Amino acid sequence: MPTASNSGARAARTQQHAARTEAARERLKAWIAERGLKQTRQRDLIVDSFFSASGHLSIDELLARVSLRDRNIGAATVYRTMKILTESGLASARHFDDGQTRYEAALDRDHHDHLICTKCQTIIEFENERIEELQDEVALEHGFTVTRHKLELYGLCGKCRAKSDR
């Protein structure tokens, strides 16, 4: 049963998504103008669909969301738009073990790592300062300068582990 706190949290999330989408649109508009590209209704719709979603979307998943609003937009248009979002720094392309490129919003996001369930493909984002510090220590011990990194831990999520324990 919905409660006032649930609907308040839902409203706050909706406002955050709207603000993030608007900020992304503005940055993308400037990036596109700098390169002499044109602004299109299809690209705007894809941007809206991408930034209103949460998580890590494949091209097919994003296309399914976009198709609910305009069935004439094809996979090639979604792919090209995601390439532009990635090149502009508004999205990050991730390559997990499922073989599909997945995209996540990169707008004003802090570094984070991922737990990936090998059974249901759930992706959990997390931040852990101790892990970051340990990575820095290991790099220092080896005289190594880290320029970027990614940490992906694969295993079973709590739900899948509980199902397999039965």
Protein backbone atom coordinates (compact mmCIF):
# COMPACT_ATOMS: atom_id res chain seq x y z
CA MET A 1 0.00 0.00 0.00
CA PRO A 2 1.47 3.39 -0.99
CA THR A 3 2.39 5.67 1.86
CA ALA A 4 3.02 9.39 1.97
CA SER A 5 6.75 8.74 2.40
CA ASN A 6 6.80 6.37 -0.61
CA SER A 7 5.04 8.86 -2.85
CA GLY A 8 7.30 11.65 -1.55
CA ALA A 9 10.39 9.61 -2.38
CA ARG A 10 8.95 8.75 -5.79
CA ALA A 11 8.26 12.44 -6.48
CA ALA A 12 11.82 13.35 -5.42
CA ARG A 13 13.26 10.69 -7.78
CA THR A 14 11.08 11.99 -10.62
CA GLN A 15 12.34 15.53 -10.00
CA GLN A 16 15.96 14.30 -9.92
CA HIS A 17 15.48 12.45 -13.22
CA ALA A 18 13.88 15.54 -14.78
CA ALA A 19 16.71 17.80 -13.59
CA ARG A 20 19.36 15.32 -14.76
CA THR A 21 17.67 14.97 -18.16
CA GLU A 22 17.47 18.75 -18.59
CA ALA A 23 21.13 19.19 -17.60
CA ALA A 24 22.13 16.45 -20.05
CA ARG A 25 20.11 18.06 -22.83
CA GLU A 26 21.80 21.41 -22.25
CA ARG A 27 25.31 19.94 -22.20
CA LEU A 28 24.56 17.83 -25.27
CA LYS A 29 23.12 20.83 -27.10
CA ALA A 30 26.37 22.76 -26.52
CA TRP A 31 28.52 19.75 -27.48
CA ILE A 32 26.54 19.19 -30.70
CA ALA A 33 26.68 22.88 -31.64
CA GLU A 34 30.48 22.95 -31.15
CA ARG A 35 30.79 20.15 -33.70
CA GLY A 36 28.33 21.51 -36.22
CA LEU A 37 25.89 18.64 -35.75
CA LYS A 38 22.14 19.12 -35.79
CA GLN A 39 19.69 18.76 -32.93
CA THR A 40 16.94 16.25 -33.76
CA ARG A 41 13.65 15.28 -32.18
CA GLN A 42 14.67 11.60 -32.30
CA ARG A 43 17.92 12.30 -30.46
CA ASP A 44 16.06 14.32 -27.83
CA LEU A 45 13.60 11.47 -27.30
CA ILE A 46 16.45 8.96 -26.89
CA VAL A 47 18.21 11.28 -24.43
CA ASP A 48 14.99 11.68 -22.43
CA SER A 49 14.44 7.91 -22.36
CA PHE A 50 18.03 7.17 -21.38
CA PHE A 51 18.29 9.71 -18.57
CA SER A 52 14.86 8.90 -17.16
CA ALA A 53 15.92 5.26 -16.76
CA SER A 54 18.16 3.98 -14.04
CA GLY A 55 20.78 1.30 -14.20
CA HIS A 56 22.76 -0.04 -17.12
CA LEU A 57 20.90 -0.25 -20.42
CA SER A 58 21.80 -2.16 -23.57
CA ILE A 59 20.92 -0.70 -26.97
CA ASP A 60 18.04 -3.20 -27.22
CA GLU A 61 16.67 -2.22 -23.80
CA LEU A 62 16.89 1.48 -24.64
CA LEU A 63 15.31 0.87 -28.05
CA ALA A 64 12.37 -0.88 -26.33
CA ARG A 65 11.87 2.19 -24.08
CA VAL A 66 12.16 4.60 -27.02
CA SER A 67 9.78 2.53 -29.16
CA LEU A 68 7.03 3.06 -26.60
CA ARG A 69 7.12 6.74 -27.57
CA ASP A 70 8.06 6.51 -31.26
CA ARG A 71 8.06 3.21 -33.13
CA ASN A 72 9.84 4.82 -36.12
CA ILE A 73 13.15 5.22 -34.31
CA GLY A 74 15.48 2.34 -35.16
CA ALA A 75 18.43 0.68 -33.49
CA ALA A 76 20.94 2.55 -35.68
CA THR A 77 19.63 5.91 -34.45
CA VAL A 78 19.79 4.74 -30.83
CA TYR A 79 23.32 3.40 -31.38
CA ARG A 80 24.52 6.67 -32.97
CA THR A 81 22.96 8.73 -30.19
CA MET A 82 24.61 6.59 -27.51
CA LYS A 83 27.93 6.99 -29.32
CA ILE A 84 27.47 10.78 -29.17
CA LEU A 85 26.48 10.64 -25.48
CA THR A 86 29.58 8.55 -24.74
CA GLU A 87 31.91 10.81 -26.73
CA SER A 88 30.47 13.89 -25.01
CA GLY A 89 31.06 12.36 -21.56
CA LEU A 90 27.35 12.15 -20.71
CA ALA A 91 27.25 8.34 -20.78
CA SER A 92 29.72 5.55 -20.08
CA ALA A 93 29.84 2.37 -22.10
CA ARG A 94 30.38 -0.69 -19.91
CA HIS A 95 31.32 -4.17 -21.08
CA PHE A 96 30.21 -6.80 -18.60
CA ASP A 97 30.42 -10.58 -19.05
CA ASP A 98 27.02 -10.84 -20.75
CA GLY A 99 28.63 -9.73 -24.03
CA GLN A 100 26.42 -6.67 -24.50
CA THR A 101 27.61 -3.11 -24.23
CA ARG A 102 25.60 -1.44 -21.50
CA TYR A 103 25.37 2.28 -20.93
CA GLU A 104 25.04 4.23 -17.72
CA ALA A 105 24.61 7.93 -17.16
CA ALA A 106 27.93 9.63 -16.47
CA LEU A 107 26.59 13.12 -15.83
CA ASP A 108 27.92 14.34 -12.48
CA ARG A 109 28.53 10.78 -11.29
CA ASP A 110 31.23 9.82 -8.82
CA HIS A 111 33.42 6.80 -9.36
CA HIS A 112 31.77 3.54 -8.37
CA ASP A 113 32.28 -0.17 -8.82
CA HIS A 114 29.93 -3.03 -9.68
CA LEU A 115 28.65 -6.33 -8.29
CA ILE A 116 27.19 -8.43 -11.13
CA CYS A 117 24.97 -11.46 -10.56
CA THR A 118 25.93 -14.22 -12.99
CA LYS A 119 22.49 -15.79 -12.76
CA CYS A 120 19.94 -12.94 -13.07
CA GLN A 121 22.35 -10.27 -14.45
CA THR A 122 21.44 -7.77 -11.71
CA ILE A 123 24.07 -5.03 -11.47
CA ILE A 124 24.62 -3.39 -8.10
CA GLU A 125 26.69 -0.21 -7.89
CA PHE A 126 28.75 0.46 -4.79
CA GLU A 127 31.42 2.78 -3.45
CA ASN A 128 34.00 1.71 -0.90
CA GLU A 129 36.72 4.07 0.25
CA ARG A 130 38.83 1.25 1.75
CA ILE A 131 39.01 -0.49 -1.64
CA GLU A 132 40.04 2.76 -3.31
CA GLU A 133 42.75 3.36 -0.70
CA LEU A 134 44.04 -0.22 -1.05
CA GLN A 135 44.28 0.18 -4.83
CA ASP A 136 46.29 3.37 -4.34
CA GLU A 137 48.63 1.57 -1.89
CA VAL A 138 49.19 -1.34 -4.29
CA ALA A 139 49.93 1.05 -7.15
CA LEU A 140 52.37 3.02 -4.97
CA GLU A 141 54.17 -0.17 -3.86
CA HIS A 142 54.77 -1.01 -7.50
CA GLY A 143 55.68 2.50 -8.64
CA PHE A 144 52.56 2.55 -10.77
CA THR A 145 50.43 5.58 -11.61
CA VAL A 146 46.76 4.66 -12.02
CA THR A 147 45.02 6.69 -14.72
CA ARG A 148 41.71 4.80 -14.58
CA HIS A 149 40.31 1.54 -13.32
CA LYS A 150 37.19 -0.53 -13.02
CA LEU A 151 36.26 -3.13 -10.47
CA GLU A 152 33.62 -5.72 -11.31
CA LEU A 153 32.85 -8.53 -8.91
CA TYR A 154 30.89 -11.47 -10.34
CA GLY A 155 28.84 -13.91 -8.28
CA LEU A 156 25.32 -14.52 -7.00
CA CYS A 157 23.09 -11.79 -5.62
CA GLY A 158 21.21 -12.38 -2.39
CA LYS A 159 17.99 -13.43 -4.15
CA CYS A 160 19.69 -15.94 -6.45
CA ARG A 161 21.83 -17.30 -3.59
CA ALA A 162 18.68 -17.79 -1.48
CA LYS A 163 16.98 -19.64 -4.35
CA SER A 164 19.98 -21.95 -4.82
CA ASP A 165 20.13 -22.69 -1.06
CA ARG A 166 16.59 -24.13 -1.11
